[in-house]
Amino acid sequence: MPCPMIVIAAFILGAAIGWRRAAKAGGSRADKLQYAVAHALALGVLGMFLTIVLSRLG
């Protein structure tokens, strides 16, 4: 069942994107962690919705 993997992949991708954005802006480690968590949660929620849609479609 590949659907739960969408949420995990989105979460990890979001964390990487957030960390990179904060590093590019010259943020401290705390800034990088905050950006990583915020982006991971946002993309994780989107991944969850995508998983629900895909499971409903069949």
C-alpha atoms as a PDB file:
ATOM      1  CA  MET A   1       0.000   0.000   0.000  1.00  0.00           C
ATOM      2  CA  PRO A   2       1.958   3.066  -1.215  1.00  0.00           C
ATOM      3  CA  CYS A   3      -0.489   5.726   0.034  1.00  0.00           C
ATOM      4  CA  PRO A   4       0.997   6.233   3.540  1.00  0.00           C
ATOM      5  CA  MET A   5       4.356   6.780   1.896  1.00  0.00           C
ATOM      6  CA  ILE A   6       3.019   9.992   0.349  1.00  0.00           C
ATOM      7  CA  VAL A   7       2.607  11.549   3.791  1.00  0.00           C
ATOM      8  CA  ILE A   8       6.064  10.473   4.940  1.00  0.00           C
ATOM      9  CA  ALA A   9       7.725  11.683   1.741  1.00  0.00           C
ATOM     10  CA  ALA A  10       5.879  15.017   1.901  1.00  0.00           C
ATOM     11  CA  PHE A  11       6.889  15.463   5.549  1.00  0.00           C
ATOM     12  CA  ILE A  12      10.567  14.796   4.840  1.00  0.00           C
ATOM     13  CA  LEU A  13      10.547  16.951   1.707  1.00  0.00           C
ATOM     14  CA  GLY A  14       8.904  19.803   3.621  1.00  0.00           C
ATOM     15  CA  ALA A  15      11.523  19.616   6.359  1.00  0.00           C
ATOM     16  CA  ALA A  16      14.328  19.720   3.805  1.00  0.00           C
ATOM     17  CA  ILE A  17      12.779  22.670   1.975  1.00  0.00           C
ATOM     18  CA  GLY A  18      12.254  24.595   5.216  1.00  0.00           C
ATOM     19  CA  TRP A  19      15.786  23.946   6.442  1.00  0.00           C
ATOM     20  CA  ARG A  20      17.228  25.061   3.119  1.00  0.00           C
ATOM     21  CA  ARG A  21      15.122  28.236   2.970  1.00  0.00           C
ATOM     22  CA  ALA A  22      16.236  29.255   6.465  1.00  0.00           C
ATOM     23  CA  ALA A  23      19.869  28.478   5.677  1.00  0.00           C
ATOM     24  CA  LYS A  24      19.662  30.532   2.496  1.00  0.00           C
ATOM     25  CA  ALA A  25      18.275  33.456   4.512  1.00  0.00           C
ATOM     26  CA  GLY A  26      21.178  33.176   6.962  1.00  0.00           C
ATOM     27  CA  GLY A  27      19.164  31.907   9.912  1.00  0.00           C
ATOM     28  CA  SER A  28      20.495  30.337  13.073  1.00  0.00           C
ATOM     29  CA  ARG A  29      19.958  26.698  13.977  1.00  0.00           C
ATOM     30  CA  ALA A  30      16.734  27.567  15.807  1.00  0.00           C
ATOM     31  CA  ASP A  31      15.449  29.382  12.715  1.00  0.00           C
ATOM     32  CA  LYS A  32      16.301  26.387  10.555  1.00  0.00           C
ATOM     33  CA  LEU A  33      14.461  24.041  12.913  1.00  0.00           C
ATOM     34  CA  GLN A  34      11.411  26.294  13.051  1.00  0.00           C
ATOM     35  CA  TYR A  35      11.249  26.596   9.256  1.00  0.00           C
ATOM     36  CA  ALA A  36      11.790  22.850   8.871  1.00  0.00           C
ATOM     37  CA  VAL A  37       8.968  21.974  11.268  1.00  0.00           C
ATOM     38  CA  ALA A  38       6.558  24.502   9.768  1.00  0.00           C
ATOM     39  CA  HIS A  39       7.194  23.345   6.210  1.00  0.00           C
ATOM     40  CA  ALA A  40       7.092  19.678   7.205  1.00  0.00           C
ATOM     41  CA  LEU A  41       3.702  20.109   8.866  1.00  0.00           C
ATOM     42  CA  ALA A  42       2.295  22.056   5.928  1.00  0.00           C
ATOM     43  CA  LEU A  43       3.418  19.540   3.331  1.00  0.00           C
ATOM     44  CA  GLY A  44       2.432  16.656   5.607  1.00  0.00           C
ATOM     45  CA  VAL A  45      -1.140  17.968   5.745  1.00  0.00           C
ATOM     46  CA  LEU A  46      -1.192  18.366   1.961  1.00  0.00           C
ATOM     47  CA  GLY A  47       0.153  14.836   1.625  1.00  0.00           C
ATOM     48  CA  MET A  48      -2.589  13.575   3.917  1.00  0.00           C
ATOM     49  CA  PHE A  49      -5.271  15.211   1.776  1.00  0.00           C
ATOM     50  CA  LEU A  50      -3.690  13.730  -1.334  1.00  0.00           C
ATOM     51  CA  THR A  51      -3.676  10.310   0.309  1.00  0.00           C
ATOM     52  CA  ILE A  52      -7.368  10.628   1.201  1.00  0.00           C
ATOM     53  CA  VAL A  53      -8.256  11.708  -2.337  1.00  0.00           C
ATOM     54  CA  LEU A  54      -6.308   8.847  -3.883  1.00  0.00           C
ATOM     55  CA  SER A  55      -7.839   6.293  -1.542  1.00  0.00           C
ATOM     56  CA  ARG A  56     -11.362   7.551  -2.285  1.00  0.00           C
ATOM     57  CA  LEU A  57     -10.765   7.376  -6.039  1.00  0.00           C
ATOM     58  CA  GLY A  58      -9.806   3.762  -5.812  1.00  0.00           C
END
